[in-house]
C-alpha atoms as a PDB file:
ATOM      1  CA  UNK A   1     168.087 149.049 112.179  1.00  0.00           C
ATOM      2  CA  UNK A   2     170.980 151.023 111.829  1.00  0.00           C
ATOM      3  CA  UNK A   3     172.849 151.008 108.442  1.00  0.00           C
ATOM      4  CA  UNK A   4     176.738 150.103 107.928  1.00  0.00           C
ATOM      5  CA  UNK A   5     178.025 150.281 104.148  1.00  0.00           C
ATOM      6  CA  UNK A   6     181.519 149.099 102.714  1.00  0.00           C
ATOM      7  CA  UNK A   7     182.505 150.273  99.268  1.00  0.00           C
ATOM      8  CA  UNK A   8     184.737 147.899  97.234  1.00  0.00           C
ATOM      9  CA  UNK A   9     186.768 150.899  95.977  1.00  0.00           C
ATOM     10  CA  UNK A  10     188.861 148.959  92.889  1.00  0.00           C
ATOM     11  CA  UNK A  11     185.172 147.028  91.938  1.00  0.00           C
ATOM     12  CA  UNK A  12     183.574 150.972  91.762  1.00  0.00           C
ATOM     13  CA  UNK A  13     186.370 152.254  90.138  1.00  0.00           C
ATOM     14  CA  UNK A  14     186.339 149.685  87.328  1.00  0.00           C
ATOM     15  CA  UNK A  15     182.841 149.925  86.985  1.00  0.00           C
ATOM     16  CA  UNK A  16     182.708 153.765  86.738  1.00  0.00           C
ATOM     17  CA  UNK A  17     186.032 153.673  84.134  1.00  0.00           C
ATOM     18  CA  UNK A  18     184.014 151.169  81.594  1.00  0.00           C
ATOM     19  CA  UNK A  19     180.645 152.903  82.130  1.00  0.00           C
ATOM     20  CA  UNK A  20     181.727 156.381  80.975  1.00  0.00           C
ATOM     21  CA  UNK A  21     183.578 158.193  78.244  1.00  0.00           C
ATOM     22  CA  UNK A  22     187.011 158.902  78.644  1.00  0.00           C
ATOM     23  CA  UNK A  23     186.816 162.875  79.035  1.00  0.00           C
ATOM     24  CA  UNK A  24     189.584 164.787  80.571  1.00  0.00           C
ATOM     25  CA  UNK A  25     189.921 168.284  82.441  1.00  0.00           C
ATOM     26  CA  UNK A  26     191.139 171.335  80.556  1.00  0.00           C
ATOM     27  CA  UNK A  27     194.927 170.142  81.749  1.00  0.00           C
ATOM     28  CA  UNK A  28     194.586 166.872  80.438  1.00  0.00           C
ATOM     29  CA  UNK A  29     194.320 164.887  83.498  1.00  0.00           C
ATOM     30  CA  UNK A  30     191.827 161.867  82.673  1.00  0.00           C
ATOM     31  CA  UNK A  31     188.989 162.062  85.282  1.00  0.00           C
ATOM     32  CA  UNK A  32     186.150 159.185  84.280  1.00  0.00           C
ATOM     33  CA  UNK A  33     187.025 157.025  86.751  1.00  0.00           C
ATOM     34  CA  UNK A  34     187.340 160.288  89.362  1.00  0.00           C
ATOM     35  CA  UNK A  35     183.582 161.635  88.100  1.00  0.00           C
ATOM     36  CA  UNK A  36     182.434 158.134  88.278  1.00  0.00           C
ATOM     37  CA  UNK A  37     183.594 156.918  92.287  1.00  0.00           C
ATOM     38  CA  UNK A  38     182.498 160.956  93.154  1.00  0.00           C
ATOM     39  CA  UNK A  39     178.954 160.582  91.736  1.00  0.00           C
ATOM     40  CA  UNK A  40     178.577 157.184  92.953  1.00  0.00           C
ATOM     41  CA  UNK A  41     179.212 158.287  96.527  1.00  0.00           C
ATOM     42  CA  UNK A  42     177.634 160.847  96.545  1.00  0.00           C
ATOM     43  CA  UNK A  43     174.708 159.443  95.507  1.00  0.00           C
ATOM     44  CA  UNK A  44     175.156 156.799  98.473  1.00  0.00           C
ATOM     45  CA  UNK A  45     175.522 159.226 100.814  1.00  0.00           C
ATOM     46  CA  UNK A  46     172.358 161.267 100.042  1.00  0.00           C
ATOM     47  CA  UNK A  47     169.885 158.279  99.052  1.00  0.00           C
ATOM     48  CA  UNK A  48     171.200 155.967 101.512  1.00  0.00           C
ATOM     49  CA  UNK A  49     171.657 157.927 104.798  1.00  0.00           C
ATOM     50  CA  UNK A  50     173.998 155.201 106.223  1.00  0.00           C
ATOM     51  CA  UNK A  51     174.784 155.339 109.656  1.00  0.00           C
ATOM     52  CA  UNK A  52     178.400 154.338 109.108  1.00  0.00           C
ATOM     53  CA  UNK A  53     180.288 154.150 106.032  1.00  0.00           C
ATOM     54  CA  UNK A  54     183.922 153.270 105.088  1.00  0.00           C
ATOM     55  CA  UNK A  55     186.170 152.373 101.410  1.00  0.00           C
ATOM     56  CA  UNK A  56     188.395 149.370 101.042  1.00  0.00           C
ATOM     57  CA  UNK A  57     190.677 149.104  98.244  1.00  0.00           C
ATOM     58  CA  UNK A  58     193.430 146.376  96.867  1.00  0.00           C
ATOM     59  CA  UNK A  59     196.801 146.913  97.884  1.00  0.00           C
ATOM     60  CA  UNK A  60     199.384 146.940  94.699  1.00  0.00           C
ATOM     61  CA  UNK A  61     201.334 143.537  95.047  1.00  0.00           C
ATOM     62  CA  UNK A  62     200.849 139.676  94.938  1.00  0.00           C
ATOM     63  CA  UNK A  63     197.900 138.138  97.192  1.00  0.00           C
ATOM     64  CA  UNK A  64     197.988 135.267  99.482  1.00  0.00           C
ATOM     65  CA  UNK A  65     195.995 133.268  96.870  1.00  0.00           C
ATOM     66  CA  UNK A  66     199.103 134.543  94.734  1.00  0.00           C
ATOM     67  CA  UNK A  67     201.782 132.974  96.658  1.00  0.00           C
ATOM     68  CA  UNK A  68     199.627 129.545  96.591  1.00  0.00           C
ATOM     69  CA  UNK A  69     198.786 129.693  93.170  1.00  0.00           C
ATOM     70  CA  UNK A  70     201.013 131.615  90.474  1.00  0.00           C
ATOM     71  CA  UNK A  71     198.368 131.438  87.851  1.00  0.00           C
ATOM     72  CA  UNK A  72     195.555 132.838  89.771  1.00  0.00           C
ATOM     73  CA  UNK A  73     194.060 136.198  88.124  1.00  0.00           C
ATOM     74  CA  UNK A  74     196.664 135.456  85.078  1.00  0.00           C
ATOM     75  CA  UNK A  75     194.526 135.456  82.272  1.00  0.00           C
ATOM     76  CA  UNK A  76     193.255 138.714  83.061  1.00  0.00           C
ATOM     77  CA  UNK A  77     193.522 141.378  81.255  1.00  0.00           C
ATOM     78  CA  UNK A  78     195.722 144.269  83.247  1.00  0.00           C
ATOM     79  CA  UNK A  79     193.430 147.012  83.770  1.00  0.00           C
ATOM     80  CA  UNK A  80     195.077 150.399  81.582  1.00  0.00           C
ATOM     81  CA  UNK A  81     197.506 153.133  82.782  1.00  0.00           C
ATOM     82  CA  UNK A  82     194.801 155.779  82.569  1.00  0.00           C
ATOM     83  CA  UNK A  83     192.649 153.787  85.092  1.00  0.00           C
ATOM     84  CA  UNK A  84     195.743 153.117  87.826  1.00  0.00           C
ATOM     85  CA  UNK A  85     196.391 156.876  87.417  1.00  0.00           C
ATOM     86  CA  UNK A  86     193.078 157.953  88.694  1.00  0.00           C
ATOM     87  CA  UNK A  87     193.383 155.683  92.007  1.00  0.00           C
ATOM     88  CA  UNK A  88     195.300 158.444  93.960  1.00  0.00           C
ATOM     89  CA  UNK A  89     192.865 161.082  93.673  1.00  0.00           C
ATOM     90  CA  UNK A  90     189.608 159.056  94.134  1.00  0.00           C
ATOM     91  CA  UNK A  91     191.399 158.332  97.548  1.00  0.00           C
ATOM     92  CA  UNK A  92     192.535 162.135  98.034  1.00  0.00           C
ATOM     93  CA  UNK A  93     188.509 162.422  97.253  1.00  0.00           C
ATOM     94  CA  UNK A  94     187.310 159.775 100.129  1.00  0.00           C
ATOM     95  CA  UNK A  95     189.796 161.616 102.651  1.00  0.00           C
ATOM     96  CA  UNK A  96     188.319 164.694 102.065  1.00  0.00           C
ATOM     97  CA  UNK A  97     185.359 163.060 102.981  1.00  0.00           C
ATOM     98  CA  UNK A  98     187.296 162.281 106.028  1.00  0.00           C
ATOM     99  CA  UNK A  99     185.579 158.511 105.445  1.00  0.00           C
ATOM    100  CA  UNK A 100     188.563 155.799 106.416  1.00  0.00           C
ATOM    101  CA  UNK A 101     189.975 153.842 104.307  1.00  0.00           C
ATOM    102  CA  UNK A 102     190.951 150.054 104.838  1.00  0.00           C
ATOM    103  CA  UNK A 103     193.472 147.919 103.054  1.00  0.00           C
ATOM    104  CA  UNK A 104     195.354 145.114 104.153  1.00  0.00           C
ATOM    105  CA  UNK A 105     198.764 143.730 102.653  1.00  0.00           C
ATOM    106  CA  UNK A 106     197.849 140.771 100.975  1.00  0.00           C
ATOM    107  CA  UNK A 107     194.783 140.673 100.736  1.00  0.00           C
ATOM    108  CA  UNK A 108     192.165 141.377  98.420  1.00  0.00           C
ATOM    109  CA  UNK A 109     189.429 143.696  99.310  1.00  0.00           C
ATOM    110  CA  UNK A 110     186.995 141.245  99.420  1.00  0.00           C
ATOM    111  CA  UNK A 111     188.394 140.076 102.221  1.00  0.00           C
ATOM    112  CA  UNK A 112     188.896 142.908 103.986  1.00  0.00           C
ATOM    113  CA  UNK A 113     185.419 143.938 103.511  1.00  0.00           C
ATOM    114  CA  UNK A 114     184.396 139.927 104.348  1.00  0.00           C
ATOM    115  CA  UNK A 115     186.377 140.517 107.246  1.00  0.00           C
ATOM    116  CA  UNK A 116     184.589 143.977 108.679  1.00  0.00           C
ATOM    117  CA  UNK A 117     181.082 143.108 107.425  1.00  0.00           C
ATOM    118  CA  UNK A 118     181.170 139.539 109.941  1.00  0.00           C
ATOM    119  CA  UNK A 119     183.098 141.981 112.655  1.00  0.00           C
ATOM    120  CA  UNK A 120     179.427 144.026 112.175  1.00  0.00           C
ATOM    121  CA  UNK A 121     177.415 141.276 112.801  1.00  0.00           C
ATOM    122  CA  UNK A 122     177.811 141.322 116.196  1.00  0.00           C
ATOM    123  CA  UNK A 123     175.747 144.191 116.506  1.00  0.00           C
ATOM    124  CA  UNK A 124     172.132 143.330 117.165  1.00  0.00           C
ATOM    125  CA  UNK A 125     170.666 146.623 115.653  1.00  0.00           C
ATOM    126  CA  UNK A 126     173.095 147.057 112.457  1.00  0.00           C
ATOM    127  CA  UNK A 127     173.115 145.610 109.291  1.00  0.00           C
ATOM    128  CA  UNK A 128     175.630 145.973 106.557  1.00  0.00           C
ATOM    129  CA  UNK A 129     175.383 146.626 102.703  1.00  0.00           C
ATOM    130  CA  UNK A 130     178.587 146.105 100.344  1.00  0.00           C
ATOM    131  CA  UNK A 131     178.492 148.432  97.573  1.00  0.00           C
ATOM    132  CA  UNK A 132     180.688 146.410  95.204  1.00  0.00           C
ATOM    133  CA  UNK A 133     180.558 144.892  91.152  1.00  0.00           C
ATOM    134  CA  UNK A 134     182.141 141.908  92.576  1.00  0.00           C
ATOM    135  CA  UNK A 135     180.068 138.626  92.430  1.00  0.00           C
ATOM    136  CA  UNK A 136     182.063 136.640  94.372  1.00  0.00           C
ATOM    137  CA  UNK A 137     180.857 138.567  97.485  1.00  0.00           C
ATOM    138  CA  UNK A 138     177.473 137.262  97.360  1.00  0.00           C
ATOM    139  CA  UNK A 139     178.883 134.554  99.367  1.00  0.00           C
ATOM    140  CA  UNK A 140     178.767 136.740 102.126  1.00  0.00           C
ATOM    141  CA  UNK A 141     175.154 137.864 101.736  1.00  0.00           C
ATOM    142  CA  UNK A 142     172.919 136.867 104.615  1.00  0.00           C
ATOM    143  CA  UNK A 143     170.420 138.335 107.091  1.00  0.00           C
ATOM    144  CA  UNK A 144     172.659 140.889 108.102  1.00  0.00           C
ATOM    145  CA  UNK A 145     174.489 141.406 105.052  1.00  0.00           C
ATOM    146  CA  UNK A 146     173.534 142.314 101.350  1.00  0.00           C
ATOM    147  CA  UNK A 147     175.340 143.062  98.534  1.00  0.00           C
ATOM    148  CA  UNK A 148     175.039 145.913  96.048  1.00  0.00           C
ATOM    149  CA  UNK A 149     176.084 145.967  92.458  1.00  0.00           C
ATOM    150  CA  UNK A 150     175.701 148.706  90.182  1.00  0.00           C
ATOM    151  CA  UNK A 151     173.315 148.151  87.319  1.00  0.00           C
ATOM    152  CA  UNK A 152     174.882 148.783  83.695  1.00  0.00           C
ATOM    153  CA  UNK A 153     175.677 152.725  83.068  1.00  0.00           C
ATOM    154  CA  UNK A 154     175.712 153.455  86.479  1.00  0.00           C
ATOM    155  CA  UNK A 155     171.882 153.219  86.858  1.00  0.00           C
ATOM    156  CA  UNK A 156     169.218 151.790  89.558  1.00  0.00           C
ATOM    157  CA  UNK A 157     171.685 149.311  91.930  1.00  0.00           C
ATOM    158  CA  UNK A 158     170.794 145.966  92.483  1.00  0.00           C
ATOM    159  CA  UNK A 159     170.310 144.435  95.755  1.00  0.00           C
ATOM    160  CA  UNK A 160     170.854 140.749  96.601  1.00  0.00           C
ATOM    161  CA  UNK A 161     169.668 139.310  99.820  1.00  0.00           C
ATOM    162  CA  UNK A 162     169.548 135.641 100.654  1.00  0.00           C
ATOM    163  CA  UNK A 163     166.487 135.106  98.034  1.00  0.00           C
ATOM    164  CA  UNK A 164     167.616 137.153  95.330  1.00  0.00           C
ATOM    165  CA  UNK A 165     171.025 134.992  95.240  1.00  0.00           C
ATOM    166  CA  UNK A 166     169.066 131.829  95.043  1.00  0.00           C
ATOM    167  CA  UNK A 167     166.968 133.133  92.583  1.00  0.00           C
ATOM    168  CA  UNK A 168     170.169 134.310  90.178  1.00  0.00           C
ATOM    169  CA  UNK A 169     171.935 130.867  91.392  1.00  0.00           C
ATOM    170  CA  UNK A 170     169.707 128.055  92.198  1.00  0.00           C
ATOM    171  CA  UNK A 171     171.764 127.801  95.295  1.00  0.00           C
ATOM    172  CA  UNK A 172     172.465 129.407  98.662  1.00  0.00           C
ATOM    173  CA  UNK A 173     175.122 132.258  99.216  1.00  0.00           C
ATOM    174  CA  UNK A 174     177.319 129.778 101.599  1.00  0.00           C
ATOM    175  CA  UNK A 175     177.429 127.607  98.766  1.00  0.00           C
ATOM    176  CA  UNK A 176     178.964 130.020  96.235  1.00  0.00           C
ATOM    177  CA  UNK A 177     182.501 128.851  97.009  1.00  0.00           C
ATOM    178  CA  UNK A 178     181.471 125.206  96.278  1.00  0.00           C
ATOM    179  CA  UNK A 179     180.235 126.430  92.996  1.00  0.00           C
ATOM    180  CA  UNK A 180     183.534 127.948  91.968  1.00  0.00           C
ATOM    181  CA  UNK A 181     185.053 124.870  93.210  1.00  0.00           C
ATOM    182  CA  UNK A 182     183.398 122.778  90.501  1.00  0.00           C
ATOM    183  CA  UNK A 183     182.536 125.007  87.609  1.00  0.00           C
ATOM    184  CA  UNK A 184     185.926 127.307  88.316  1.00  0.00           C
ATOM    185  CA  UNK A 185     186.018 131.250  87.289  1.00  0.00           C
ATOM    186  CA  UNK A 186     187.667 132.011  84.062  1.00  0.00           C
ATOM    187  CA  UNK A 187     187.825 135.562  85.366  1.00  0.00           C
ATOM    188  CA  UNK A 188     190.248 134.893  88.220  1.00  0.00           C
ATOM    189  CA  UNK A 189     191.759 131.586  86.105  1.00  0.00           C
ATOM    190  CA  UNK A 190     190.072 129.102  88.339  1.00  0.00           C
ATOM    191  CA  UNK A 191     189.824 125.727  86.709  1.00  0.00           C
ATOM    192  CA  UNK A 192     187.713 123.941  88.776  1.00  0.00           C
ATOM    193  CA  UNK A 193     186.352 120.587  87.544  1.00  0.00           C
ATOM    194  CA  UNK A 194     186.926 120.238  83.966  1.00  0.00           C
ATOM    195  CA  UNK A 195     183.473 118.822  82.102  1.00  0.00           C
ATOM    196  CA  UNK A 196     181.274 120.702  84.882  1.00  0.00           C
ATOM    197  CA  UNK A 197     179.255 123.423  84.027  1.00  0.00           C
ATOM    198  CA  UNK A 198     176.798 125.648  84.899  1.00  0.00           C
ATOM    199  CA  UNK A 199     173.874 123.600  85.009  1.00  0.00           C
ATOM    200  CA  UNK A 200     175.553 120.570  86.536  1.00  0.00           C
ATOM    201  CA  UNK A 201     176.919 122.521  89.103  1.00  0.00           C
ATOM    202  CA  UNK A 202     173.680 123.681  90.576  1.00  0.00           C
ATOM    203  CA  UNK A 203     172.211 120.075  90.709  1.00  0.00           C
ATOM    204  CA  UNK A 204     175.060 118.374  92.379  1.00  0.00           C
ATOM    205  CA  UNK A 205     174.888 121.094  95.062  1.00  0.00           C
ATOM    206  CA  UNK A 206     171.409 121.112  95.238  1.00  0.00           C
ATOM    207  CA  UNK A 207     170.966 117.597  95.955  1.00  0.00           C
ATOM    208  CA  UNK A 208     174.249 117.208  98.158  1.00  0.00           C
ATOM    209  CA  UNK A 209     174.717 120.887  99.675  1.00  0.00           C
ATOM    210  CA  UNK A 210     178.949 120.904  99.284  1.00  0.00           C
ATOM    211  CA  UNK A 211     181.906 119.226  97.718  1.00  0.00           C
ATOM    212  CA  UNK A 212     182.549 116.962 101.043  1.00  0.00           C
ATOM    213  CA  UNK A 213     179.111 115.692 100.211  1.00  0.00           C
ATOM    214  CA  UNK A 214     179.623 115.124  96.551  1.00  0.00           C
ATOM    215  CA  UNK A 215     182.549 113.028  97.189  1.00  0.00           C
ATOM    216  CA  UNK A 216     181.032 111.437  99.882  1.00  0.00           C
ATOM    217  CA  UNK A 217     178.107 110.116  97.434  1.00  0.00           C
ATOM    218  CA  UNK A 218     180.492 109.898  94.080  1.00  0.00           C
ATOM    219  CA  UNK A 219     179.663 106.043  93.967  1.00  0.00           C
ATOM    220  CA  UNK A 220     175.580 107.344  93.031  1.00  0.00           C
ATOM    221  CA  UNK A 221     177.173 109.764  90.287  1.00  0.00           C
ATOM    222  CA  UNK A 222     177.176 108.319  87.377  1.00  0.00           C
ATOM    223  CA  UNK A 223     179.449 108.389  83.883  1.00  0.00           C
ATOM    224  CA  UNK A 224     181.046 111.329  82.780  1.00  0.00           C
ATOM    225  CA  UNK A 225     180.229 113.410  85.659  1.00  0.00           C
ATOM    226  CA  UNK A 226     181.700 110.792  88.216  1.00  0.00           C
ATOM    227  CA  UNK A 227     185.075 110.315  86.343  1.00  0.00           C
ATOM    228  CA  UNK A 228     185.341 114.138  85.876  1.00  0.00           C
ATOM    229  CA  UNK A 229     184.696 114.459  89.291  1.00  0.00           C
ATOM    230  CA  UNK A 230     187.192 111.604  90.704  1.00  0.00           C
ATOM    231  CA  UNK A 231     189.875 112.755  88.203  1.00  0.00           C
ATOM    232  CA  UNK A 232     189.661 116.452  88.800  1.00  0.00           C
ATOM    233  CA  UNK A 233     189.063 116.319  92.424  1.00  0.00           C
ATOM    234  CA  UNK A 234     192.260 117.757  94.053  1.00  0.00           C
ATOM    235  CA  UNK A 235     190.986 120.680  91.704  1.00  0.00           C
ATOM    236  CA  UNK A 236     187.844 120.730  93.009  1.00  0.00           C
ATOM    237  CA  UNK A 237     188.828 121.711  96.736  1.00  0.00           C
ATOM    238  CA  UNK A 238     192.058 123.868  95.596  1.00  0.00           C
ATOM    239  CA  UNK A 239     189.580 125.716  93.693  1.00  0.00           C
ATOM    240  CA  UNK A 240     186.838 125.901  96.321  1.00  0.00           C
ATOM    241  CA  UNK A 241     189.925 127.364  98.712  1.00  0.00           C
ATOM    242  CA  UNK A 242     190.811 129.899  96.457  1.00  0.00           C
ATOM    243  CA  UNK A 243     187.485 131.463  95.727  1.00  0.00           C
ATOM    244  CA  UNK A 244     186.636 131.813  99.605  1.00  0.00           C
ATOM    245  CA  UNK A 245     186.521 135.077 100.593  1.00  0.00           C
ATOM    246  CA  UNK A 246     188.186 135.330 103.925  1.00  0.00           C
ATOM    247  CA  UNK A 247     186.911 136.789 106.786  1.00  0.00           C
ATOM    248  CA  UNK A 248     189.659 136.769 109.602  1.00  0.00           C
ATOM    249  CA  UNK A 249     191.742 139.072 107.887  1.00  0.00           C
ATOM    250  CA  UNK A 250     194.238 140.786 110.366  1.00  0.00           C
ATOM    251  CA  UNK A 251     192.258 144.252 110.560  1.00  0.00           C
ATOM    252  CA  UNK A 252     189.775 145.442 113.004  1.00  0.00           C
ATOM    253  CA  UNK A 253     186.308 147.448 112.279  1.00  0.00           C
ATOM    254  CA  UNK A 254     186.615 150.965 114.532  1.00  0.00           C
ATOM    255  CA  UNK A 255     182.655 152.329 114.195  1.00  0.00           C
ATOM    256  CA  UNK A 256     183.574 155.489 115.570  1.00  0.00           C
ATOM    257  CA  UNK A 257     185.952 155.973 112.880  1.00  0.00           C
ATOM    258  CA  UNK A 258     183.123 155.178 109.952  1.00  0.00           C
ATOM    259  CA  UNK A 259     180.131 157.445 111.614  1.00  0.00           C
ATOM    260  CA  UNK A 260     178.284 159.742 109.268  1.00  0.00           C
ATOM    261  CA  UNK A 261     178.998 163.234 110.263  1.00  0.00           C
ATOM    262  CA  UNK A 262     179.436 166.765 108.647  1.00  0.00           C
ATOM    263  CA  UNK A 263     182.009 166.628 105.965  1.00  0.00           C
ATOM    264  CA  UNK A 264     184.152 169.651 104.961  1.00  0.00           C
ATOM    265  CA  UNK A 265     181.959 171.158 101.803  1.00  0.00           C
ATOM    266  CA  UNK A 266     184.926 173.877 100.987  1.00  0.00           C
ATOM    267  CA  UNK A 267     187.848 171.500 100.616  1.00  0.00           C
ATOM    268  CA  UNK A 268     184.984 168.779  98.812  1.00  0.00           C
ATOM    269  CA  UNK A 269     184.365 171.709  96.536  1.00  0.00           C
ATOM    270  CA  UNK A 270     187.873 172.342  96.134  1.00  0.00           C
ATOM    271  CA  UNK A 271     188.452 169.123  94.797  1.00  0.00           C
ATOM    272  CA  UNK A 272     185.465 169.203  92.338  1.00  0.00           C
ATOM    273  CA  UNK A 273     186.601 172.498  90.782  1.00  0.00           C
ATOM    274  CA  UNK A 274     189.890 171.417  89.846  1.00  0.00           C
ATOM    275  CA  UNK A 275     188.655 168.727  88.635  1.00  0.00           C
ATOM    276  CA  UNK A 276     186.166 170.794  86.472  1.00  0.00           C
ATOM    277  CA  UNK A 277     183.251 168.364  87.993  1.00  0.00           C
ATOM    278  CA  UNK A 278     180.293 171.540  87.811  1.00  0.00           C
ATOM    279  CA  UNK A 279     177.719 169.407  88.036  1.00  0.00           C
ATOM    280  CA  UNK A 280     179.082 167.372  91.219  1.00  0.00           C
ATOM    281  CA  UNK A 281     179.603 171.119  92.306  1.00  0.00           C
ATOM    282  CA  UNK A 282     175.492 171.666  92.203  1.00  0.00           C
ATOM    283  CA  UNK A 283     174.787 168.550  93.527  1.00  0.00           C
ATOM    284  CA  UNK A 284     177.379 168.824  96.644  1.00  0.00           C
ATOM    285  CA  UNK A 285     175.254 172.529  97.161  1.00  0.00           C
ATOM    286  CA  UNK A 286     172.186 170.413  97.540  1.00  0.00           C
ATOM    287  CA  UNK A 287     173.395 167.212  99.554  1.00  0.00           C
ATOM    288  CA  UNK A 288     172.949 167.034 103.051  1.00  0.00           C
ATOM    289  CA  UNK A 289     174.764 164.009 104.631  1.00  0.00           C
ATOM    290  CA  UNK A 290     172.556 161.959 107.412  1.00  0.00           C
ATOM    291  CA  UNK A 291     174.645 163.419 110.298  1.00  0.00           C
ATOM    292  CA  UNK A 292     173.191 166.854 108.819  1.00  0.00           C
ATOM    293  CA  UNK A 293     169.603 165.390 108.315  1.00  0.00           C
ATOM    294  CA  UNK A 294     169.436 164.269 111.449  1.00  0.00           C
ATOM    295  CA  UNK A 295     170.682 167.482 113.505  1.00  0.00           C
ATOM    296  CA  UNK A 296     167.572 168.947 111.642  1.00  0.00           C
ATOM    297  CA  UNK A 297     165.270 166.642 112.959  1.00  0.00           C
ATOM    298  CA  UNK A 298     167.008 167.160 116.339  1.00  0.00           C
ATOM    299  CA  UNK A 299     166.501 170.883 115.933  1.00  0.00           C
ATOM    300  CA  UNK A 300     162.728 170.670 114.394  1.00  0.00           C
ATOM    301  CA  UNK A 301     162.121 168.367 117.994  1.00  0.00           C
ATOM    302  CA  UNK A 302     163.389 170.793 120.042  1.00  0.00           C
ATOM    303  CA  UNK A 303     161.529 173.843 118.298  1.00  0.00           C
ATOM    304  CA  UNK A 304     158.098 171.620 119.051  1.00  0.00           C
ATOM    305  CA  UNK A 305     159.092 170.485 122.499  1.00  0.00           C
ATOM    306  CA  UNK A 306     160.064 174.776 124.009  1.00  0.00           C
END
């Protein structure tokens, strides 16, 4: 099967920024997130050999979730300006690789990636890999969509298929929004049902499947759990709604634009040189894109034939 790789730009930037020590160019420009992102991108291109690739970034401003819930992500500590100042440089690097960027105002990158991955599902010979550090995207996982998360320190990534998600949470990927509806999500300030933790959530979802079935059978759930569910019924369904990735964002996947190809090494080298990424310049010189490898294989085949 052919491979489409979708990169959650902001999630990877945050991982890179916090995984690497703050270092600057001789001009005093902080570039640790740029270096980490560029390193991951080169590694993806060189080892994953994608047939298609695209990146999505969060856009500034509020999303539709903020419009519905003022306190959405209100408890999250704002990233430092030193991180945000590196995002334009990273976008410039992505464009230098001629990789398309998908962004939609009012939606998070998760929603854009979810929509693109679902659109890609109609291609029978295409499998999608979402590279991200955001575990919310695990709800998208199925036989055609995998989620890949970097390990600590930008080491070997972890690939999540349906069985990997089941092993981690004890539930299927599609039940993750219901999980968030019950136990909430502190990082996004999603309340869930107070008094319901991970263990109880797993038991309920393994037995009943989803929120609808839980509340249809509420009479058979005893004690404090029953009381908590009854009291926070509205919270449960609203929290699930907030935690559900939208897969109908007004955006259209263009596979032709996402096709990997030869990259302008001179342009990319100029960026690396300006940023003083000497180690990445060396990697770039030994780097072969998937299209270049494919072209060399075709040339070898023709030589054998003639």
